[in-house]
Amino acid sequence: MASTAPVGVFDSGLGGISVVRQIVRDMPHEHVLYFGDSANAPYGIKTPEQVRELSLAIAERFVRQGVKAIVVACNTATSAAVNDLRERYDIPIIGMEPALKVACDAGHGTRQRVIVAATPLTLRERKFAALMDRFKEQHTIYREPCPDLVEIVESGRLGDHDLVMRTLHGYFDRYDLDAIDSVVLGCTHFVFYRDYFRELLPPTAAIIDGNEGTVRHLGVVLESLGRLAPDDAVGGVELANSDPSPRIAALSRELLAYGR
């Protein structure tokens, strides 16, 4: 497969655009095909079977388009479907999981108090349970499902400061935030809220997401296969969505440029 072949990136909706932004920053010569499944969003409240079926259909679309790798830019879809995708396709399938290890390792051996903010399905799935089992004896870990944060992004209300802060307070006011070491953004939608979380949290609390590590892993895998785009390749992003409305198309473009 040619090194100039595209990379497919998909999400339940628009959150995975935050991963595309990271690819553009770190791997600017890559050609990215993004597919958001906003017509079926949110995945976080669906059954694992429904998420697997939707994910397989999107992967088939990418394979027909000749992608050299697929990034499942959705913690929920990774939890429910990544093993099935890897069994079915012989191209690299890069999944995501909440960056809990990064949060726990930040203490360099001292006990950490960590909130993992994610979708309900991500926090319920066996994949996260196994991840949490690795760290829960040495660290205090709180699971906080935040489905409304997905809806705010999908409805284009990310710029509504009062709505966002009211929603965040509704989820997080029950914690003693001054005692929290970090909040893990375990959903790609939540990465767009980084500045809001910074406003909510004390300066001592870290905000951690898995986007940078996921893109770094993508680069390592492609390099090992000799499939990194050459330095003279012109990178770019093509945005597609299962919701064909002009509103979603415009919102996708806005999020790709968000905060630049």
C-alpha atoms as a PDB file:
ATOM      1  CA  MET A   1       0.000   0.000   0.000  1.00  0.00           C
ATOM      2  CA  ALA A   2       1.318   3.452  -0.924  1.00  0.00           C
ATOM      3  CA  SER A   3       2.617   5.664   1.857  1.00  0.00           C
ATOM      4  CA  THR A   4       0.512   8.466   0.408  1.00  0.00           C
ATOM      5  CA  ALA A   5      -2.715   6.531   1.014  1.00  0.00           C
ATOM      6  CA  PRO A   6      -5.071   8.293   3.432  1.00  0.00           C
ATOM      7  CA  VAL A   7      -5.655   7.621   7.109  1.00  0.00           C
ATOM      8  CA  GLY A   8      -9.280   7.057   8.089  1.00  0.00           C
ATOM      9  CA  VAL A   9     -10.474   8.585  11.361  1.00  0.00           C
ATOM     10  CA  PHE A  10     -13.989   8.113  12.729  1.00  0.00           C
ATOM     11  CA  ASP A  11     -16.084   8.993  15.745  1.00  0.00           C
ATOM     12  CA  SER A  12     -19.680   8.776  16.906  1.00  0.00           C
ATOM     13  CA  GLY A  13     -20.038  12.392  15.862  1.00  0.00           C
ATOM     14  CA  LEU A  14     -17.807  15.432  15.897  1.00  0.00           C
ATOM     15  CA  GLY A  15     -15.525  14.754  18.868  1.00  0.00           C
ATOM     16  CA  GLY A  16     -12.972  12.867  16.798  1.00  0.00           C
ATOM     17  CA  ILE A  17     -12.186  16.090  14.964  1.00  0.00           C
ATOM     18  CA  SER A  18     -10.073  16.870  18.036  1.00  0.00           C
ATOM     19  CA  VAL A  19      -7.912  13.866  17.068  1.00  0.00           C
ATOM     20  CA  VAL A  20      -7.756  15.049  13.452  1.00  0.00           C
ATOM     21  CA  ARG A  21      -6.474  18.396  14.736  1.00  0.00           C
ATOM     22  CA  GLN A  22      -3.695  16.549  16.574  1.00  0.00           C
ATOM     23  CA  ILE A  23      -2.780  14.606  13.425  1.00  0.00           C
ATOM     24  CA  VAL A  24      -2.627  17.842  11.437  1.00  0.00           C
ATOM     25  CA  ARG A  25      -0.286  19.325  14.054  1.00  0.00           C
ATOM     26  CA  ASP A  26       1.974  16.309  14.513  1.00  0.00           C
ATOM     27  CA  MET A  27       1.797  14.590  11.106  1.00  0.00           C
ATOM     28  CA  PRO A  28       1.117  17.423   8.658  1.00  0.00           C
ATOM     29  CA  HIS A  29       1.976  15.412   5.534  1.00  0.00           C
ATOM     30  CA  GLU A  30      -0.791  12.865   6.091  1.00  0.00           C
ATOM     31  CA  HIS A  31      -4.055  12.906   4.142  1.00  0.00           C
ATOM     32  CA  VAL A  32      -6.925  12.327   6.588  1.00  0.00           C
ATOM     33  CA  LEU A  33     -10.435  11.136   5.787  1.00  0.00           C
ATOM     34  CA  TYR A  34     -12.741  11.915   8.697  1.00  0.00           C
ATOM     35  CA  PHE A  35     -16.152  10.379   9.148  1.00  0.00           C
ATOM     36  CA  GLY A  36     -18.482  11.512  11.908  1.00  0.00           C
ATOM     37  CA  ASP A  37     -21.583   9.463  12.607  1.00  0.00           C
ATOM     38  CA  SER A  38     -23.708  12.324  13.937  1.00  0.00           C
ATOM     39  CA  ALA A  39     -26.886  10.767  12.548  1.00  0.00           C
ATOM     40  CA  ASN A  40     -26.422   7.988  15.108  1.00  0.00           C
ATOM     41  CA  ALA A  41     -24.853   9.977  17.938  1.00  0.00           C
ATOM     42  CA  PRO A  42     -24.356   9.590  20.793  1.00  0.00           C
ATOM     43  CA  TYR A  43     -22.734   6.156  20.943  1.00  0.00           C
ATOM     44  CA  GLY A  44     -22.219   6.429  24.682  1.00  0.00           C
ATOM     45  CA  ILE A  45     -25.806   5.491  25.519  1.00  0.00           C
ATOM     46  CA  LYS A  46     -26.160   2.692  22.918  1.00  0.00           C
ATOM     47  CA  THR A  47     -25.601  -1.014  23.487  1.00  0.00           C
ATOM     48  CA  PRO A  48     -22.177  -2.487  22.650  1.00  0.00           C
ATOM     49  CA  GLU A  49     -23.788  -4.491  19.848  1.00  0.00           C
ATOM     50  CA  GLN A  50     -25.193  -1.352  18.232  1.00  0.00           C
ATOM     51  CA  VAL A  51     -21.812   0.394  18.449  1.00  0.00           C
ATOM     52  CA  ARG A  52     -20.026  -2.595  16.906  1.00  0.00           C
ATOM     53  CA  GLU A  53     -22.450  -2.692  13.980  1.00  0.00           C
ATOM     54  CA  LEU A  54     -22.071   1.019  13.302  1.00  0.00           C
ATOM     55  CA  SER A  55     -18.274   0.873  13.621  1.00  0.00           C
ATOM     56  CA  LEU A  56     -17.958  -2.046  11.206  1.00  0.00           C
ATOM     57  CA  ALA A  57     -20.038  -0.201   8.613  1.00  0.00           C
ATOM     58  CA  ILE A  58     -17.777   2.846   8.849  1.00  0.00           C
ATOM     59  CA  ALA A  59     -14.652   0.707   8.612  1.00  0.00           C
ATOM     60  CA  GLU A  60     -16.022  -0.905   5.441  1.00  0.00           C
ATOM     61  CA  ARG A  61     -16.466   2.575   3.984  1.00  0.00           C
ATOM     62  CA  PHE A  62     -12.842   3.425   4.757  1.00  0.00           C
ATOM     63  CA  VAL A  63     -11.503   0.173   3.305  1.00  0.00           C
ATOM     64  CA  ARG A  64     -13.341   0.905   0.060  1.00  0.00           C
ATOM     65  CA  GLN A  65     -11.634   4.302   0.050  1.00  0.00           C
ATOM     66  CA  GLY A  66      -8.216   2.645   0.305  1.00  0.00           C
ATOM     67  CA  VAL A  67      -7.057   3.863   3.715  1.00  0.00           C
ATOM     68  CA  LYS A  68      -3.724   2.626   5.080  1.00  0.00           C
ATOM     69  CA  ALA A  69      -4.868   2.750   8.722  1.00  0.00           C
ATOM     70  CA  ILE A  70      -7.992   3.478  10.738  1.00  0.00           C
ATOM     71  CA  VAL A  71      -8.045   5.533  13.930  1.00  0.00           C
ATOM     72  CA  VAL A  72     -11.066   4.829  16.107  1.00  0.00           C
ATOM     73  CA  ALA A  73     -11.214   8.363  17.511  1.00  0.00           C
ATOM     74  CA  CYS A  74     -13.890   7.415  19.998  1.00  0.00           C
ATOM     75  CA  ASN A  75     -13.318   5.810  23.389  1.00  0.00           C
ATOM     76  CA  THR A  76     -16.790   4.240  23.286  1.00  0.00           C
ATOM     77  CA  ALA A  77     -16.299   2.644  19.867  1.00  0.00           C
ATOM     78  CA  THR A  78     -12.833   1.460  20.888  1.00  0.00           C
ATOM     79  CA  SER A  79     -14.286  -0.260  23.949  1.00  0.00           C
ATOM     80  CA  ALA A  80     -17.060  -1.944  22.002  1.00  0.00           C
ATOM     81  CA  ALA A  81     -15.577  -2.650  18.588  1.00  0.00           C
ATOM     82  CA  VAL A  82     -11.798  -2.392  18.255  1.00  0.00           C
ATOM     83  CA  ASN A  83     -11.153  -6.131  18.690  1.00  0.00           C
ATOM     84  CA  ASP A  84     -13.723  -6.995  16.013  1.00  0.00           C
ATOM     85  CA  LEU A  85     -12.182  -4.466  13.641  1.00  0.00           C
ATOM     86  CA  ARG A  86      -8.687  -5.871  14.173  1.00  0.00           C
ATOM     87  CA  GLU A  87      -9.899  -9.393  13.506  1.00  0.00           C
ATOM     88  CA  ARG A  88     -11.599  -8.375  10.271  1.00  0.00           C
ATOM     89  CA  TYR A  89      -9.021  -6.074   8.638  1.00  0.00           C
ATOM     90  CA  ASP A  90      -5.310  -6.421   7.940  1.00  0.00           C
ATOM     91  CA  ILE A  91      -4.543  -2.714   8.168  1.00  0.00           C
ATOM     92  CA  PRO A  92      -3.572  -1.045  11.463  1.00  0.00           C
ATOM     93  CA  ILE A  93      -6.541  -0.222  13.686  1.00  0.00           C
ATOM     94  CA  ILE A  94      -5.558   2.388  16.265  1.00  0.00           C
ATOM     95  CA  GLY A  95      -7.927   2.628  19.214  1.00  0.00           C
ATOM     96  CA  MET A  96      -8.229   4.989  22.137  1.00  0.00           C
ATOM     97  CA  GLU A  97      -8.701   4.540  25.848  1.00  0.00           C
ATOM     98  CA  PRO A  98      -8.910   7.044  28.690  1.00  0.00           C
ATOM     99  CA  ALA A  99      -5.354   8.154  29.573  1.00  0.00           C
ATOM    100  CA  LEU A 100      -5.594   6.797  33.110  1.00  0.00           C
ATOM    101  CA  LYS A 101      -2.041   5.440  33.106  1.00  0.00           C
ATOM    102  CA  VAL A 102      -0.670   8.875  32.241  1.00  0.00           C
ATOM    103  CA  ALA A 103      -2.652  10.408  35.115  1.00  0.00           C
ATOM    104  CA  CYS A 104      -1.508   7.811  37.639  1.00  0.00           C
ATOM    105  CA  ASP A 105       2.123   7.862  36.516  1.00  0.00           C
ATOM    106  CA  ALA A 106       2.203  11.639  36.993  1.00  0.00           C
ATOM    107  CA  GLY A 107       2.477  11.070  40.734  1.00  0.00           C
ATOM    108  CA  HIS A 108       5.823   9.246  40.375  1.00  0.00           C
ATOM    109  CA  GLY A 109       4.789   6.656  42.920  1.00  0.00           C
ATOM    110  CA  THR A 110       2.550   8.790  45.125  1.00  0.00           C
ATOM    111  CA  ARG A 111      -1.176   8.070  45.372  1.00  0.00           C
ATOM    112  CA  GLN A 112      -3.189  10.067  42.846  1.00  0.00           C
ATOM    113  CA  ARG A 113      -6.816  11.147  43.024  1.00  0.00           C
ATOM    114  CA  VAL A 114      -8.160  11.021  39.480  1.00  0.00           C
ATOM    115  CA  ILE A 115     -11.560  11.735  37.924  1.00  0.00           C
ATOM    116  CA  VAL A 116     -12.192   9.972  34.622  1.00  0.00           C
ATOM    117  CA  ALA A 117     -14.821  11.873  32.643  1.00  0.00           C
ATOM    118  CA  ALA A 118     -16.255   9.755  29.826  1.00  0.00           C
ATOM    119  CA  THR A 119     -19.462   8.444  28.281  1.00  0.00           C
ATOM    120  CA  PRO A 120     -21.628   5.994  30.231  1.00  0.00           C
ATOM    121  CA  LEU A 121     -20.801   3.100  27.878  1.00  0.00           C
ATOM    122  CA  THR A 122     -17.034   3.668  28.044  1.00  0.00           C
ATOM    123  CA  LEU A 123     -17.169   3.563  31.835  1.00  0.00           C
ATOM    124  CA  ARG A 124     -19.366   0.434  31.856  1.00  0.00           C
ATOM    125  CA  GLU A 125     -17.391  -1.646  29.351  1.00  0.00           C
ATOM    126  CA  ARG A 126     -14.995  -4.445  30.327  1.00  0.00           C
ATOM    127  CA  LYS A 127     -12.112  -2.682  28.596  1.00  0.00           C
ATOM    128  CA  PHE A 128     -12.234   0.231  31.026  1.00  0.00           C
ATOM    129  CA  ALA A 129     -12.859  -2.083  33.981  1.00  0.00           C
ATOM    130  CA  ALA A 130      -9.655  -3.933  33.121  1.00  0.00           C
ATOM    131  CA  LEU A 131      -7.772  -0.647  32.813  1.00  0.00           C
ATOM    132  CA  MET A 132      -9.104   0.582  36.138  1.00  0.00           C
ATOM    133  CA  ASP A 133      -8.196  -2.710  37.841  1.00  0.00           C
ATOM    134  CA  ARG A 134      -4.535  -2.033  37.058  1.00  0.00           C
ATOM    135  CA  PHE A 135      -4.499   1.173  39.096  1.00  0.00           C
ATOM    136  CA  LYS A 136      -7.314   1.202  41.643  1.00  0.00           C
ATOM    137  CA  GLU A 137      -5.297  -0.340  44.475  1.00  0.00           C
ATOM    138  CA  GLN A 138      -2.587   2.329  44.358  1.00  0.00           C
ATOM    139  CA  HIS A 139      -4.775   5.279  43.353  1.00  0.00           C
ATOM    140  CA  THR A 140      -8.207   6.754  44.027  1.00  0.00           C
ATOM    141  CA  ILE A 141     -10.194   6.799  40.801  1.00  0.00           C
ATOM    142  CA  TYR A 142     -13.627   8.316  40.297  1.00  0.00           C
ATOM    143  CA  ARG A 143     -15.758   7.530  37.249  1.00  0.00           C
ATOM    144  CA  GLU A 144     -17.885  10.441  36.055  1.00  0.00           C
ATOM    145  CA  PRO A 145     -20.228   9.888  33.086  1.00  0.00           C
ATOM    146  CA  CYS A 146     -20.867  13.175  31.274  1.00  0.00           C
ATOM    147  CA  PRO A 147     -23.259  12.499  28.367  1.00  0.00           C
ATOM    148  CA  ASP A 148     -24.474  16.098  28.138  1.00  0.00           C
ATOM    149  CA  LEU A 149     -20.993  17.245  27.114  1.00  0.00           C
ATOM    150  CA  VAL A 150     -21.314  15.206  23.931  1.00  0.00           C
ATOM    151  CA  GLU A 151     -24.696  16.761  23.167  1.00  0.00           C
ATOM    152  CA  ILE A 152     -23.404  20.317  23.618  1.00  0.00           C
ATOM    153  CA  VAL A 153     -20.680  19.798  21.013  1.00  0.00           C
ATOM    154  CA  GLU A 154     -23.029  18.045  18.591  1.00  0.00           C
ATOM    155  CA  SER A 155     -25.612  20.821  18.870  1.00  0.00           C
ATOM    156  CA  GLY A 156     -23.055  23.547  18.185  1.00  0.00           C
ATOM    157  CA  ARG A 157     -23.334  25.173  21.620  1.00  0.00           C
ATOM    158  CA  LEU A 158     -19.704  24.832  22.650  1.00  0.00           C
ATOM    159  CA  GLY A 159     -19.399  28.615  22.695  1.00  0.00           C
ATOM    160  CA  ASP A 160     -22.247  29.029  25.214  1.00  0.00           C
ATOM    161  CA  HIS A 161     -20.112  29.721  28.277  1.00  0.00           C
ATOM    162  CA  ASP A 162     -22.954  29.788  30.789  1.00  0.00           C
ATOM    163  CA  LEU A 163     -24.432  26.527  29.534  1.00  0.00           C
ATOM    164  CA  VAL A 164     -21.068  24.748  29.543  1.00  0.00           C
ATOM    165  CA  MET A 165     -20.043  25.913  33.008  1.00  0.00           C
ATOM    166  CA  ARG A 166     -23.483  25.111  34.438  1.00  0.00           C
ATOM    167  CA  THR A 167     -23.218  21.612  32.969  1.00  0.00           C
ATOM    168  CA  LEU A 168     -19.696  21.083  34.302  1.00  0.00           C
ATOM    169  CA  HIS A 169     -20.702  22.256  37.769  1.00  0.00           C
ATOM    170  CA  GLY A 170     -23.613  19.815  37.660  1.00  0.00           C
ATOM    171  CA  TYR A 171     -21.194  16.934  37.167  1.00  0.00           C
ATOM    172  CA  PHE A 172     -18.223  18.018  39.261  1.00  0.00           C
ATOM    173  CA  ASP A 173     -19.452  20.081  42.206  1.00  0.00           C
ATOM    174  CA  ARG A 174     -19.863  16.928  44.273  1.00  0.00           C
ATOM    175  CA  TYR A 175     -16.072  16.510  44.362  1.00  0.00           C
ATOM    176  CA  ASP A 176     -13.551  18.337  46.504  1.00  0.00           C
ATOM    177  CA  LEU A 177     -11.711  19.586  43.448  1.00  0.00           C
ATOM    178  CA  ASP A 178      -8.869  21.057  45.506  1.00  0.00           C
ATOM    179  CA  ALA A 179      -7.982  17.477  46.441  1.00  0.00           C
ATOM    180  CA  ILE A 180      -8.067  16.149  42.860  1.00  0.00           C
ATOM    181  CA  ASP A 181      -4.736  15.623  41.114  1.00  0.00           C
ATOM    182  CA  SER A 182      -6.077  15.276  37.586  1.00  0.00           C
ATOM    183  CA  VAL A 183      -9.120  14.951  35.376  1.00  0.00           C
ATOM    184  CA  VAL A 184      -8.854  12.549  32.454  1.00  0.00           C
ATOM    185  CA  LEU A 185     -10.879  13.569  29.399  1.00  0.00           C
ATOM    186  CA  GLY A 186     -11.976  10.091  28.349  1.00  0.00           C
ATOM    187  CA  CYS A 187     -14.030  11.147  25.338  1.00  0.00           C
ATOM    188  CA  THR A 188     -12.706  12.950  22.274  1.00  0.00           C
ATOM    189  CA  HIS A 189     -15.615  15.401  22.452  1.00  0.00           C
ATOM    190  CA  PHE A 190     -14.380  16.520  25.860  1.00  0.00           C
ATOM    191  CA  VAL A 191     -11.021  17.717  24.521  1.00  0.00           C
ATOM    192  CA  PHE A 192     -12.822  20.768  23.125  1.00  0.00           C
ATOM    193  CA  TYR A 193     -13.667  21.697  26.733  1.00  0.00           C
ATOM    194  CA  ARG A 194     -10.064  21.966  27.909  1.00  0.00           C
ATOM    195  CA  ASP A 195     -10.266  25.730  28.546  1.00  0.00           C
ATOM    196  CA  TYR A 196     -13.564  25.302  30.389  1.00  0.00           C
ATOM    197  CA  PHE A 197     -12.072  22.593  32.596  1.00  0.00           C
ATOM    198  CA  ARG A 198      -9.131  24.883  33.290  1.00  0.00           C
ATOM    199  CA  GLU A 199     -11.608  27.496  34.498  1.00  0.00           C
ATOM    200  CA  LEU A 200     -13.432  24.937  36.651  1.00  0.00           C
ATOM    201  CA  LEU A 201     -10.429  23.250  38.245  1.00  0.00           C
ATOM    202  CA  PRO A 202      -7.788  24.598  40.628  1.00  0.00           C
ATOM    203  CA  PRO A 203      -4.370  25.296  39.047  1.00  0.00           C
ATOM    204  CA  THR A 204      -2.930  22.236  40.788  1.00  0.00           C
ATOM    205  CA  ALA A 205      -5.191  19.803  38.913  1.00  0.00           C
ATOM    206  CA  ALA A 206      -3.889  18.472  35.603  1.00  0.00           C
ATOM    207  CA  ILE A 207      -6.137  17.994  32.561  1.00  0.00           C
ATOM    208  CA  ILE A 208      -5.144  14.902  30.584  1.00  0.00           C
ATOM    209  CA  ASP A 209      -6.404  13.482  27.300  1.00  0.00           C
ATOM    210  CA  GLY A 210      -5.274  10.636  25.084  1.00  0.00           C
ATOM    211  CA  ASN A 211      -5.093  12.420  21.737  1.00  0.00           C
ATOM    212  CA  GLU A 212      -1.374  13.129  21.649  1.00  0.00           C
ATOM    213  CA  GLY A 213      -0.473   9.586  22.705  1.00  0.00           C
ATOM    214  CA  THR A 214      -2.855   8.089  20.149  1.00  0.00           C
ATOM    215  CA  VAL A 215      -1.390  10.124  17.295  1.00  0.00           C
ATOM    216  CA  ARG A 216       2.144   9.317  18.437  1.00  0.00           C
ATOM    217  CA  HIS A 217       1.223   5.608  18.350  1.00  0.00           C
ATOM    218  CA  LEU A 218      -0.231   6.038  14.849  1.00  0.00           C
ATOM    219  CA  GLY A 219       3.073   7.534  13.708  1.00  0.00           C
ATOM    220  CA  VAL A 220       5.126   4.723  15.237  1.00  0.00           C
ATOM    221  CA  VAL A 221       2.957   2.049  13.612  1.00  0.00           C
ATOM    222  CA  LEU A 222       3.011   3.686  10.175  1.00  0.00           C
ATOM    223  CA  GLU A 223       6.775   4.216  10.368  1.00  0.00           C
ATOM    224  CA  SER A 224       7.334   0.573  11.300  1.00  0.00           C
ATOM    225  CA  LEU A 225       5.407  -0.458   8.177  1.00  0.00           C
ATOM    226  CA  GLY A 226       7.138   2.060   5.901  1.00  0.00           C
ATOM    227  CA  ARG A 227       3.830   3.854   5.361  1.00  0.00           C
ATOM    228  CA  LEU A 228       4.501   7.318   6.752  1.00  0.00           C
ATOM    229  CA  ALA A 229       3.670   9.971   4.194  1.00  0.00           C
ATOM    230  CA  PRO A 230       6.843  11.434   2.649  1.00  0.00           C
ATOM    231  CA  ASP A 231       7.960  14.909   3.628  1.00  0.00           C
ATOM    232  CA  ASP A 232       7.050  16.274   0.210  1.00  0.00           C
ATOM    233  CA  ALA A 233       3.452  15.017   0.442  1.00  0.00           C
ATOM    234  CA  VAL A 234       0.735  17.647   0.774  1.00  0.00           C
ATOM    235  CA  GLY A 235      -1.434  16.720   3.724  1.00  0.00           C
ATOM    236  CA  GLY A 236      -5.065  17.601   4.091  1.00  0.00           C
ATOM    237  CA  VAL A 237      -8.380  16.740   5.686  1.00  0.00           C
ATOM    238  CA  GLU A 238     -11.634  15.633   4.090  1.00  0.00           C
ATOM    239  CA  LEU A 239     -14.659  15.837   6.364  1.00  0.00           C
ATOM    240  CA  ALA A 240     -17.712  13.603   5.904  1.00  0.00           C
ATOM    241  CA  ASN A 241     -20.685  12.831   8.108  1.00  0.00           C
ATOM    242  CA  SER A 242     -23.693  10.521   8.171  1.00  0.00           C
ATOM    243  CA  ASP A 243     -25.789  13.642   8.827  1.00  0.00           C
ATOM    244  CA  PRO A 244     -25.650  15.477   5.473  1.00  0.00           C
ATOM    245  CA  SER A 245     -27.123  18.731   6.785  1.00  0.00           C
ATOM    246  CA  PRO A 246     -25.343  22.038   6.089  1.00  0.00           C
ATOM    247  CA  ARG A 247     -25.359  22.698   9.842  1.00  0.00           C
ATOM    248  CA  ILE A 248     -23.204  19.650  10.589  1.00  0.00           C
ATOM    249  CA  ALA A 249     -20.876  20.416   7.678  1.00  0.00           C
ATOM    250  CA  ALA A 250     -20.360  23.972   8.922  1.00  0.00           C
ATOM    251  CA  LEU A 251     -19.935  22.843  12.520  1.00  0.00           C
ATOM    252  CA  SER A 252     -17.348  20.260  11.464  1.00  0.00           C
ATOM    253  CA  ARG A 253     -15.293  22.959   9.749  1.00  0.00           C
ATOM    254  CA  GLU A 254     -15.616  25.230  12.787  1.00  0.00           C
ATOM    255  CA  LEU A 255     -14.382  22.525  15.148  1.00  0.00           C
ATOM    256  CA  LEU A 256     -11.432  21.721  12.889  1.00  0.00           C
ATOM    257  CA  ALA A 257     -10.384  25.358  13.225  1.00  0.00           C
ATOM    258  CA  TYR A 258     -11.470  25.723  16.878  1.00  0.00           C
ATOM    259  CA  GLY A 259      -8.983  27.603  19.036  1.00  0.00           C
ATOM    260  CA  ARG A 260      -6.329  27.892  16.336  1.00  0.00           C
END
